[in-house]
Amino acid sequence: MSNPGTLKERMNYEKSFDCVQCGYCLPACPTYETMETEKHSPRGRIQLMKLAAEGKIGLEELEEPVGKCLGCMACMPVCPTNVQYDQMLEGAKRVIEDT
């Protein structure tokens, strides 16, 4: 396991602060629309990624929500703060695969 600084870097932690939790992504996200749980929404996954990068939750808690993301990126065009969800998702997937 890498040190917390490296984990933050690999998970694109700094990009997580661009998300203002507005919720515009929710109706655009097929997994949120289907499952209706925050952890299956882009903003919920971003929050989980942030917590994992900070060491507040284990990476195993990311595995299921990240794995269920379709990767359609329908959330990105509706985001008013231009969150780079694609880069964060890819970083989280790589970290999960490496552990």
PDB file of N, CA and C in Angstrom:
ATOM      1  N   MET A   1       0.848  -1.183   0.000  1.00  0.00           N
ATOM      2  CA  MET A   1       0.000   0.000   0.000  1.00  0.00           C
ATOM      3  C   MET A   1       0.886   1.236   0.000  1.00  0.00           C
ATOM      4  N   SER A   2       0.530   2.217  -0.776  1.00  0.00           N
ATOM      5  CA  SER A   2       1.322   3.437  -0.872  1.00  0.00           C
ATOM      6  C   SER A   2       1.027   4.358   0.305  1.00  0.00           C
ATOM      7  N   ASN A   3       1.913   5.344   0.501  1.00  0.00           N
ATOM      8  CA  ASN A   3       1.694   6.274   1.599  1.00  0.00           C
ATOM      9  C   ASN A   3       0.527   7.204   1.268  1.00  0.00           C
ATOM     10  N   PRO A   4      -0.070   7.886   2.269  1.00  0.00           N
ATOM     11  CA  PRO A   4      -1.260   8.709   2.020  1.00  0.00           C
ATOM     12  C   PRO A   4      -1.060   9.793   0.959  1.00  0.00           C
ATOM     13  N   GLY A   5       0.117  10.418   0.909  1.00  0.00           N
ATOM     14  CA  GLY A   5       0.362  11.429  -0.114  1.00  0.00           C
ATOM     15  C   GLY A   5       0.277  10.843  -1.499  1.00  0.00           C
ATOM     16  N   THR A   6       0.884   9.702  -1.696  1.00  0.00           N
ATOM     17  CA  THR A   6       0.847   9.039  -2.989  1.00  0.00           C
ATOM     18  C   THR A   6      -0.579   8.598  -3.310  1.00  0.00           C
ATOM     19  N   LEU A   7      -1.292   8.104  -2.322  1.00  0.00           N
ATOM     20  CA  LEU A   7      -2.678   7.690  -2.541  1.00  0.00           C
ATOM     21  C   LEU A   7      -3.515   8.893  -2.971  1.00  0.00           C
ATOM     22  N   LYS A   8      -3.346  10.005  -2.314  1.00  0.00           N
ATOM     23  CA  LYS A   8      -4.087  11.220  -2.688  1.00  0.00           C
ATOM     24  C   LYS A   8      -3.777  11.616  -4.122  1.00  0.00           C
ATOM     25  N   GLU A   9      -2.528  11.531  -4.479  1.00  0.00           N
ATOM     26  CA  GLU A   9      -2.136  11.886  -5.838  1.00  0.00           C
ATOM     27  C   GLU A   9      -2.751  10.927  -6.852  1.00  0.00           C
ATOM     28  N   ARG A  10      -2.678   9.640  -6.582  1.00  0.00           N
ATOM     29  CA  ARG A  10      -3.210   8.628  -7.495  1.00  0.00           C
ATOM     30  C   ARG A  10      -4.721   8.712  -7.627  1.00  0.00           C
ATOM     31  N   MET A  11      -5.390   9.163  -6.580  1.00  0.00           N
ATOM     32  CA  MET A  11      -6.854   9.258  -6.592  1.00  0.00           C
ATOM     33  C   MET A  11      -7.330  10.631  -7.080  1.00  0.00           C
ATOM     34  N   ASN A  12      -6.401  11.484  -7.524  1.00  0.00           N
ATOM     35  CA  ASN A  12      -6.756  12.824  -7.998  1.00  0.00           C
ATOM     36  C   ASN A  12      -7.536  13.599  -6.934  1.00  0.00           C
ATOM     37  N   TYR A  13      -7.063  13.478  -5.703  1.00  0.00           N
ATOM     38  CA  TYR A  13      -7.723  14.065  -4.534  1.00  0.00           C
ATOM     39  C   TYR A  13      -8.034  15.550  -4.700  1.00  0.00           C
ATOM     40  N   GLU A  14      -7.105  16.314  -5.218  1.00  0.00           N
ATOM     41  CA  GLU A  14      -7.312  17.758  -5.348  1.00  0.00           C
ATOM     42  C   GLU A  14      -8.519  18.088  -6.230  1.00  0.00           C
ATOM     43  N   LYS A  15      -8.805  17.242  -7.209  1.00  0.00           N
ATOM     44  CA  LYS A  15      -9.945  17.466  -8.097  1.00  0.00           C
ATOM     45  C   LYS A  15     -11.277  17.299  -7.362  1.00  0.00           C
ATOM     46  N   SER A  16     -11.273  16.572  -6.249  1.00  0.00           N
ATOM     47  CA  SER A  16     -12.517  16.341  -5.509  1.00  0.00           C
ATOM     48  C   SER A  16     -13.087  17.635  -4.935  1.00  0.00           C
ATOM     49  N   PHE A  17     -12.247  18.634  -4.729  1.00  0.00           N
ATOM     50  CA  PHE A  17     -12.713  19.895  -4.161  1.00  0.00           C
ATOM     51  C   PHE A  17     -13.486  20.738  -5.166  1.00  0.00           C
ATOM     52  N   ASP A  18     -13.441  20.364  -6.433  1.00  0.00           N
ATOM     53  CA  ASP A  18     -14.218  21.080  -7.452  1.00  0.00           C
ATOM     54  C   ASP A  18     -15.709  20.757  -7.340  1.00  0.00           C
ATOM     55  N   CYS A  19     -16.032  19.618  -6.744  1.00  0.00           N
ATOM     56  CA  CYS A  19     -17.435  19.223  -6.585  1.00  0.00           C
ATOM     57  C   CYS A  19     -18.053  20.021  -5.443  1.00  0.00           C
ATOM     58  N   VAL A  20     -19.116  20.758  -5.768  1.00  0.00           N
ATOM     59  CA  VAL A  20     -19.796  21.570  -4.758  1.00  0.00           C
ATOM     60  C   VAL A  20     -21.074  20.896  -4.248  1.00  0.00           C
ATOM     61  N   GLN A  21     -21.254  19.617  -4.591  1.00  0.00           N
ATOM     62  CA  GLN A  21     -22.380  18.819  -4.089  1.00  0.00           C
ATOM     63  C   GLN A  21     -23.732  19.398  -4.500  1.00  0.00           C
ATOM     64  N   CYS A  22     -23.809  20.014  -5.673  1.00  0.00           N
ATOM     65  CA  CYS A  22     -25.045  20.676  -6.114  1.00  0.00           C
ATOM     66  C   CYS A  22     -26.143  19.687  -6.500  1.00  0.00           C
ATOM     67  N   GLY A  23     -25.763  18.504  -6.978  1.00  0.00           N
ATOM     68  CA  GLY A  23     -26.753  17.498  -7.346  1.00  0.00           C
ATOM     69  C   GLY A  23     -27.214  17.524  -8.788  1.00  0.00           C
ATOM     70  N   TYR A  24     -26.670  18.410  -9.606  1.00  0.00           N
ATOM     71  CA  TYR A  24     -27.058  18.430 -11.026  1.00  0.00           C
ATOM     72  C   TYR A  24     -26.730  17.109 -11.717  1.00  0.00           C
ATOM     73  N   CYS A  25     -25.754  16.399 -11.212  1.00  0.00           N
ATOM     74  CA  CYS A  25     -25.349  15.126 -11.814  1.00  0.00           C
ATOM     75  C   CYS A  25     -26.353  13.998 -11.542  1.00  0.00           C
ATOM     76  N   LEU A  26     -27.141  14.140 -10.502  1.00  0.00           N
ATOM     77  CA  LEU A  26     -28.016  13.035 -10.095  1.00  0.00           C
ATOM     78  C   LEU A  26     -28.980  12.580 -11.192  1.00  0.00           C
ATOM     79  N   PRO A  27     -29.768  13.451 -11.800  1.00  0.00           N
ATOM     80  CA  PRO A  27     -30.694  12.974 -12.826  1.00  0.00           C
ATOM     81  C   PRO A  27     -29.999  12.523 -14.114  1.00  0.00           C
ATOM     82  N   ALA A  28     -28.732  12.884 -14.283  1.00  0.00           N
ATOM     83  CA  ALA A  28     -27.987  12.467 -15.480  1.00  0.00           C
ATOM     84  C   ALA A  28     -27.359  11.092 -15.317  1.00  0.00           C
ATOM     85  N   CYS A  29     -27.260  10.621 -14.096  1.00  0.00           N
ATOM     86  CA  CYS A  29     -26.549   9.374 -13.801  1.00  0.00           C
ATOM     87  C   CYS A  29     -27.488   8.170 -13.830  1.00  0.00           C
ATOM     88  N   PRO A  30     -27.248   7.235 -14.755  1.00  0.00           N
ATOM     89  CA  PRO A  30     -28.132   6.067 -14.833  1.00  0.00           C
ATOM     90  C   PRO A  30     -28.094   5.173 -13.595  1.00  0.00           C
ATOM     91  N   THR A  31     -26.932   5.048 -12.947  1.00  0.00           N
ATOM     92  CA  THR A  31     -26.906   4.189 -11.760  1.00  0.00           C
ATOM     93  C   THR A  31     -27.633   4.848 -10.594  1.00  0.00           C
ATOM     94  N   TYR A  32     -27.524   6.160 -10.462  1.00  0.00           N
ATOM     95  CA  TYR A  32     -28.272   6.833  -9.405  1.00  0.00           C
ATOM     96  C   TYR A  32     -29.772   6.748  -9.686  1.00  0.00           C
ATOM     97  N   GLU A  33     -30.155   6.966 -10.926  1.00  0.00           N
ATOM     98  CA  GLU A  33     -31.569   6.900 -11.298  1.00  0.00           C
ATOM     99  C   GLU A  33     -32.150   5.511 -11.025  1.00  0.00           C
ATOM    100  N   THR A  34     -31.356   4.487 -11.219  1.00  0.00           N
ATOM    101  CA  THR A  34     -31.812   3.112 -11.012  1.00  0.00           C
ATOM    102  C   THR A  34     -31.774   2.704  -9.542  1.00  0.00           C
ATOM    103  N   MET A  35     -30.671   3.010  -8.879  1.00  0.00           N
ATOM    104  CA  MET A  35     -30.451   2.520  -7.515  1.00  0.00           C
ATOM    105  C   MET A  35     -30.912   3.486  -6.436  1.00  0.00           C
ATOM    106  N   GLU A  36     -30.982   4.779  -6.770  1.00  0.00           N
ATOM    107  CA  GLU A  36     -31.468   5.809  -5.852  1.00  0.00           C
ATOM    108  C   GLU A  36     -30.737   5.842  -4.512  1.00  0.00           C
ATOM    109  N   THR A  37     -29.429   5.613  -4.558  1.00  0.00           N
ATOM    110  CA  THR A  37     -28.609   5.739  -3.348  1.00  0.00           C
ATOM    111  C   THR A  37     -27.454   6.676  -3.648  1.00  0.00           C
ATOM    112  N   GLU A  38     -27.115   7.481  -2.679  1.00  0.00           N
ATOM    113  CA  GLU A  38     -26.075   8.495  -2.860  1.00  0.00           C
ATOM    114  C   GLU A  38     -24.746   7.885  -3.290  1.00  0.00           C
ATOM    115  N   LYS A  39     -24.401   6.746  -2.732  1.00  0.00           N
ATOM    116  CA  LYS A  39     -23.103   6.153  -3.079  1.00  0.00           C
ATOM    117  C   LYS A  39     -23.038   5.692  -4.536  1.00  0.00           C
ATOM    118  N   HIS A  40     -24.181   5.647  -5.205  1.00  0.00           N
ATOM    119  CA  HIS A  40     -24.222   5.279  -6.624  1.00  0.00           C
ATOM    120  C   HIS A  40     -24.427   6.494  -7.512  1.00  0.00           C
ATOM    121  N   SER A  41     -24.108   7.664  -6.987  1.00  0.00           N
ATOM    122  CA  SER A  41     -24.178   8.905  -7.768  1.00  0.00           C
ATOM    123  C   SER A  41     -22.756   9.433  -7.938  1.00  0.00           C
ATOM    124  N   PRO A  42     -22.528  10.271  -8.930  1.00  0.00           N
ATOM    125  CA  PRO A  42     -21.187  10.847  -9.074  1.00  0.00           C
ATOM    126  C   PRO A  42     -20.738  11.612  -7.830  1.00  0.00           C
ATOM    127  N   ARG A  43     -21.625  12.439  -7.270  1.00  0.00           N
ATOM    128  CA  ARG A  43     -21.193  13.197  -6.095  1.00  0.00           C
ATOM    129  C   ARG A  43     -20.947  12.282  -4.900  1.00  0.00           C
ATOM    130  N   GLY A  44     -21.713  11.215  -4.778  1.00  0.00           N
ATOM    131  CA  GLY A  44     -21.482  10.253  -3.701  1.00  0.00           C
ATOM    132  C   GLY A  44     -20.163   9.517  -3.871  1.00  0.00           C
ATOM    133  N   ARG A  45     -19.868   9.120  -5.100  1.00  0.00           N
ATOM    134  CA  ARG A  45     -18.591   8.456  -5.369  1.00  0.00           C
ATOM    135  C   ARG A  45     -17.422   9.407  -5.120  1.00  0.00           C
ATOM    136  N   ILE A  46     -17.582  10.660  -5.514  1.00  0.00           N
ATOM    137  CA  ILE A  46     -16.524  11.645  -5.272  1.00  0.00           C
ATOM    138  C   ILE A  46     -16.272  11.778  -3.777  1.00  0.00           C
ATOM    139  N   GLN A  47     -17.324  11.837  -3.000  1.00  0.00           N
ATOM    140  CA  GLN A  47     -17.172  11.941  -1.547  1.00  0.00           C
ATOM    141  C   GLN A  47     -16.463  10.708  -0.990  1.00  0.00           C
ATOM    142  N   LEU A  48     -16.826   9.526  -1.478  1.00  0.00           N
ATOM    143  CA  LEU A  48     -16.164   8.305  -1.030  1.00  0.00           C
ATOM    144  C   LEU A  48     -14.694   8.288  -1.441  1.00  0.00           C
ATOM    145  N   MET A  49     -14.410   8.748  -2.648  1.00  0.00           N
ATOM    146  CA  MET A  49     -13.014   8.822  -3.106  1.00  0.00           C
ATOM    147  C   MET A  49     -12.210   9.759  -2.206  1.00  0.00           C
ATOM    148  N   LYS A  50     -12.811  10.883  -1.863  1.00  0.00           N
ATOM    149  CA  LYS A  50     -12.143  11.855  -0.994  1.00  0.00           C
ATOM    150  C   LYS A  50     -11.859  11.229   0.375  1.00  0.00           C
ATOM    151  N   LEU A  51     -12.850  10.577   0.947  1.00  0.00           N
ATOM    152  CA  LEU A  51     -12.679   9.949   2.257  1.00  0.00           C
ATOM    153  C   LEU A  51     -11.624   8.842   2.216  1.00  0.00           C
ATOM    154  N   ALA A  52     -11.606   8.065   1.135  1.00  0.00           N
ATOM    155  CA  ALA A  52     -10.608   6.998   0.999  1.00  0.00           C
ATOM    156  C   ALA A  52      -9.215   7.590   0.859  1.00  0.00           C
ATOM    157  N   ALA A  53      -9.084   8.647   0.070  1.00  0.00           N
ATOM    158  CA  ALA A  53      -7.780   9.287  -0.107  1.00  0.00           C
ATOM    159  C   ALA A  53      -7.269   9.875   1.202  1.00  0.00           C
ATOM    160  N   GLU A  54      -8.179  10.318   2.061  1.00  0.00           N
ATOM    161  CA  GLU A  54      -7.817  10.862   3.369  1.00  0.00           C
ATOM    162  C   GLU A  54      -7.580   9.762   4.400  1.00  0.00           C
ATOM    163  N   GLY A  55      -7.849   8.511   4.026  1.00  0.00           N
ATOM    164  CA  GLY A  55      -7.665   7.405   4.953  1.00  0.00           C
ATOM    165  C   GLY A  55      -8.786   7.260   5.956  1.00  0.00           C
ATOM    166  N   LYS A  56      -9.917   7.911   5.716  1.00  0.00           N
ATOM    167  CA  LYS A  56     -11.039   7.866   6.649  1.00  0.00           C
ATOM    168  C   LYS A  56     -11.933   6.651   6.432  1.00  0.00           C
ATOM    169  N   ILE A  57     -11.879   6.076   5.243  1.00  0.00           N
ATOM    170  CA  ILE A  57     -12.567   4.814   4.959  1.00  0.00           C
ATOM    171  C   ILE A  57     -11.591   3.925   4.191  1.00  0.00           C
ATOM    172  N   GLY A  58     -11.859   2.642   4.191  1.00  0.00           N
ATOM    173  CA  GLY A  58     -11.004   1.709   3.462  1.00  0.00           C
ATOM    174  C   GLY A  58     -11.344   1.678   1.980  1.00  0.00           C
ATOM    175  N   LEU A  59     -10.378   1.293   1.184  1.00  0.00           N
ATOM    176  CA  LEU A  59     -10.598   1.200  -0.258  1.00  0.00           C
ATOM    177  C   LEU A  59     -11.684   0.199  -0.619  1.00  0.00           C
ATOM    178  N   GLU A  60     -11.890  -0.780   0.236  1.00  0.00           N
ATOM    179  CA  GLU A  60     -12.934  -1.776  -0.031  1.00  0.00           C
ATOM    180  C   GLU A  60     -14.321  -1.138  -0.080  1.00  0.00           C
ATOM    181  N   GLU A  61     -14.493  -0.004   0.604  1.00  0.00           N
ATOM    182  CA  GLU A  61     -15.784   0.688   0.570  1.00  0.00           C
ATOM    183  C   GLU A  61     -16.028   1.400  -0.764  1.00  0.00           C
ATOM    184  N   LEU A  62     -14.976   1.589  -1.537  1.00  0.00           N
ATOM    185  CA  LEU A  62     -15.093   2.202  -2.861  1.00  0.00           C
ATOM    186  C   LEU A  62     -15.413   1.185  -3.950  1.00  0.00           C
ATOM    187  N   GLU A  63     -15.008  -0.032  -3.718  1.00  0.00           N
ATOM    188  CA  GLU A  63     -15.039  -1.060  -4.766  1.00  0.00           C
ATOM    189  C   GLU A  63     -16.409  -1.218  -5.422  1.00  0.00           C
ATOM    190  N   GLU A  64     -17.450  -1.398  -4.649  1.00  0.00           N
ATOM    191  CA  GLU A  64     -18.785  -1.625  -5.203  1.00  0.00           C
ATOM    192  C   GLU A  64     -19.350  -0.379  -5.904  1.00  0.00           C
ATOM    193  N   PRO A  65     -19.332   0.806  -5.265  1.00  0.00           N
ATOM    194  CA  PRO A  65     -19.862   1.987  -5.956  1.00  0.00           C
ATOM    195  C   PRO A  65     -19.096   2.328  -7.234  1.00  0.00           C
ATOM    196  N   VAL A  66     -17.773   2.253  -7.185  1.00  0.00           N
ATOM    197  CA  VAL A  66     -16.970   2.551  -8.370  1.00  0.00           C
ATOM    198  C   VAL A  66     -17.196   1.486  -9.439  1.00  0.00           C
ATOM    199  N   GLY A  67     -17.300   0.243  -9.024  1.00  0.00           N
ATOM    200  CA  GLY A  67     -17.525  -0.842  -9.969  1.00  0.00           C
ATOM    201  C   GLY A  67     -18.865  -0.760 -10.682  1.00  0.00           C
ATOM    202  N   LYS A  68     -19.852  -0.172 -10.037  1.00  0.00           N
ATOM    203  CA  LYS A  68     -21.180  -0.058 -10.650  1.00  0.00           C
ATOM    204  C   LYS A  68     -21.310   1.149 -11.579  1.00  0.00           C
ATOM    205  N   CYS A  69     -20.348   2.069 -11.532  1.00  0.00           N
ATOM    206  CA  CYS A  69     -20.384   3.224 -12.428  1.00  0.00           C
ATOM    207  C   CYS A  69     -20.213   2.723 -13.865  1.00  0.00           C
ATOM    208  N   LEU A  70     -21.102   3.140 -14.745  1.00  0.00           N
ATOM    209  CA  LEU A  70     -21.061   2.709 -16.141  1.00  0.00           C
ATOM    210  C   LEU A  70     -19.962   3.397 -16.936  1.00  0.00           C
ATOM    211  N   GLY A  71     -19.433   4.480 -16.398  1.00  0.00           N
ATOM    212  CA  GLY A  71     -18.394   5.221 -17.104  1.00  0.00           C
ATOM    213  C   GLY A  71     -18.923   5.999 -18.291  1.00  0.00           C
ATOM    214  N   CYS A  72     -20.208   6.270 -18.298  1.00  0.00           N
ATOM    215  CA  CYS A  72     -20.835   6.980 -19.428  1.00  0.00           C
ATOM    216  C   CYS A  72     -20.492   8.462 -19.445  1.00  0.00           C
ATOM    217  N   MET A  73     -20.124   8.995 -18.298  1.00  0.00           N
ATOM    218  CA  MET A  73     -19.750  10.394 -18.121  1.00  0.00           C
ATOM    219  C   MET A  73     -20.873  11.373 -18.460  1.00  0.00           C
ATOM    220  N   ALA A  74     -22.112  10.917 -18.360  1.00  0.00           N
ATOM    221  CA  ALA A  74     -23.262  11.807 -18.574  1.00  0.00           C
ATOM    222  C   ALA A  74     -23.294  12.908 -17.521  1.00  0.00           C
ATOM    223  N   CYS A  75     -22.631  12.698 -16.415  1.00  0.00           N
ATOM    224  CA  CYS A  75     -22.584  13.689 -15.342  1.00  0.00           C
ATOM    225  C   CYS A  75     -21.717  14.888 -15.696  1.00  0.00           C
ATOM    226  N   MET A  76     -20.731  14.694 -16.521  1.00  0.00           N
ATOM    227  CA  MET A  76     -19.760  15.764 -16.780  1.00  0.00           C
ATOM    228  C   MET A  76     -20.344  16.972 -17.511  1.00  0.00           C
ATOM    229  N   PRO A  77     -21.137  16.796 -18.566  1.00  0.00           N
ATOM    230  CA  PRO A  77     -21.665  17.990 -19.254  1.00  0.00           C
ATOM    231  C   PRO A  77     -22.637  18.820 -18.413  1.00  0.00           C
ATOM    232  N   VAL A  78     -23.284  18.214 -17.426  1.00  0.00           N
ATOM    233  CA  VAL A  78     -24.249  18.952 -16.610  1.00  0.00           C
ATOM    234  C   VAL A  78     -23.612  19.596 -15.383  1.00  0.00           C
ATOM    235  N   CYS A  79     -22.344  19.338 -15.151  1.00  0.00           N
ATOM    236  CA  CYS A  79     -21.665  19.849 -13.966  1.00  0.00           C
ATOM    237  C   CYS A  79     -21.307  21.322 -14.140  1.00  0.00           C
ATOM    238  N   PRO A  80     -21.833  22.191 -13.268  1.00  0.00           N
ATOM    239  CA  PRO A  80     -21.553  23.628 -13.397  1.00  0.00           C
ATOM    240  C   PRO A  80     -20.127  24.015 -13.000  1.00  0.00           C
ATOM    241  N   THR A  81     -19.421  23.151 -12.277  1.00  0.00           N
ATOM    242  CA  THR A  81     -18.055  23.475 -11.858  1.00  0.00           C
ATOM    243  C   THR A  81     -17.010  22.664 -12.622  1.00  0.00           C
ATOM    244  N   ASN A  82     -17.438  21.958 -13.662  1.00  0.00           N
ATOM    245  CA  ASN A  82     -16.530  21.223 -14.536  1.00  0.00           C
ATOM    246  C   ASN A  82     -15.649  20.218 -13.784  1.00  0.00           C
ATOM    247  N   VAL A  83     -16.265  19.458 -12.882  1.00  0.00           N
ATOM    248  CA  VAL A  83     -15.538  18.430 -12.141  1.00  0.00           C
ATOM    249  C   VAL A  83     -15.003  17.396 -13.134  1.00  0.00           C
ATOM    250  N   GLN A  84     -13.756  17.040 -12.983  1.00  0.00           N
ATOM    251  CA  GLN A  84     -13.111  16.055 -13.863  1.00  0.00           C
ATOM    252  C   GLN A  84     -13.355  14.647 -13.308  1.00  0.00           C
ATOM    253  N   TYR A  85     -14.612  14.262 -13.313  1.00  0.00           N
ATOM    254  CA  TYR A  85     -15.019  12.972 -12.755  1.00  0.00           C
ATOM    255  C   TYR A  85     -14.327  11.818 -13.468  1.00  0.00           C
ATOM    256  N   ASP A  86     -14.127  11.937 -14.763  1.00  0.00           N
ATOM    257  CA  ASP A  86     -13.485  10.862 -15.516  1.00  0.00           C
ATOM    258  C   ASP A  86     -12.088  10.556 -14.983  1.00  0.00           C
ATOM    259  N   GLN A  87     -11.316  11.580 -14.687  1.00  0.00           N
ATOM    260  CA  GLN A  87      -9.972  11.388 -14.165  1.00  0.00           C
ATOM    261  C   GLN A  87      -9.991  10.809 -12.752  1.00  0.00           C
ATOM    262  N   MET A  88     -10.951  11.267 -11.960  1.00  0.00           N
ATOM    263  CA  MET A  88     -11.070  10.743 -10.602  1.00  0.00           C
ATOM    264  C   MET A  88     -11.486   9.279 -10.617  1.00  0.00           C
ATOM    265  N   LEU A  89     -12.440   8.937 -11.475  1.00  0.00           N
ATOM    266  CA  LEU A  89     -12.912   7.558 -11.570  1.00  0.00           C
ATOM    267  C   LEU A  89     -11.785   6.630 -12.012  1.00  0.00           C
ATOM    268  N   GLU A  90     -11.043   7.034 -13.023  1.00  0.00           N
ATOM    269  CA  GLU A  90      -9.937   6.208 -13.500  1.00  0.00           C
ATOM    270  C   GLU A  90      -8.881   6.018 -12.423  1.00  0.00           C
ATOM    271  N   GLY A  91      -8.586   7.079 -11.684  1.00  0.00           N
ATOM    272  CA  GLY A  91      -7.633   6.973 -10.588  1.00  0.00           C
ATOM    273  C   GLY A  91      -8.098   6.006  -9.516  1.00  0.00           C
ATOM    274  N   ALA A  92      -9.362   6.096  -9.162  1.00  0.00           N
ATOM    275  CA  ALA A  92      -9.917   5.197  -8.145  1.00  0.00           C
ATOM    276  C   ALA A  92      -9.893   3.747  -8.635  1.00  0.00           C
ATOM    277  N   LYS A  93     -10.231   3.535  -9.891  1.00  0.00           N
ATOM    278  CA  LYS A  93     -10.208   2.174 -10.443  1.00  0.00           C
ATOM    279  C   LYS A  93      -8.809   1.593 -10.396  1.00  0.00           C
ATOM    280  N   ARG A  94      -7.809   2.390 -10.754  1.00  0.00           N
ATOM    281  CA  ARG A  94      -6.409   1.907 -10.731  1.00  0.00           C
ATOM    282  C   ARG A  94      -5.978   1.564  -9.306  1.00  0.00           C
ATOM    283  N   VAL A  95      -6.317   2.417  -8.363  1.00  0.00           N
ATOM    284  CA  VAL A  95      -5.944   2.161  -6.975  1.00  0.00           C
ATOM    285  C   VAL A  95      -6.602   0.878  -6.470  1.00  0.00           C
ATOM    286  N   ILE A  96      -7.876   0.708  -6.778  1.00  0.00           N
ATOM    287  CA  ILE A  96      -8.601  -0.496  -6.355  1.00  0.00           C
ATOM    288  C   ILE A  96      -7.976  -1.734  -6.981  1.00  0.00           C
ATOM    289  N   GLU A  97      -7.677  -1.683  -8.259  1.00  0.00           N
ATOM    290  CA  GLU A  97      -7.069  -2.824  -8.944  1.00  0.00           C
ATOM    291  C   GLU A  97      -5.703  -3.171  -8.373  1.00  0.00           C
ATOM    292  N   ASP A  98      -4.951  -2.153  -7.949  1.00  0.00           N
ATOM    293  CA  ASP A  98      -3.604  -2.373  -7.433  1.00  0.00           C
ATOM    294  C   ASP A  98      -3.565  -2.919  -6.015  1.00  0.00           C
ATOM    295  N   THR A  99      -4.704  -2.880  -5.323  1.00  0.00           N
ATOM    296  CA  THR A  99      -4.692  -3.347  -3.920  1.00  0.00           C
ATOM    297  C   THR A  99      -5.288  -4.719  -3.784  1.00  0.00           C
TER     298      THR A  99
END
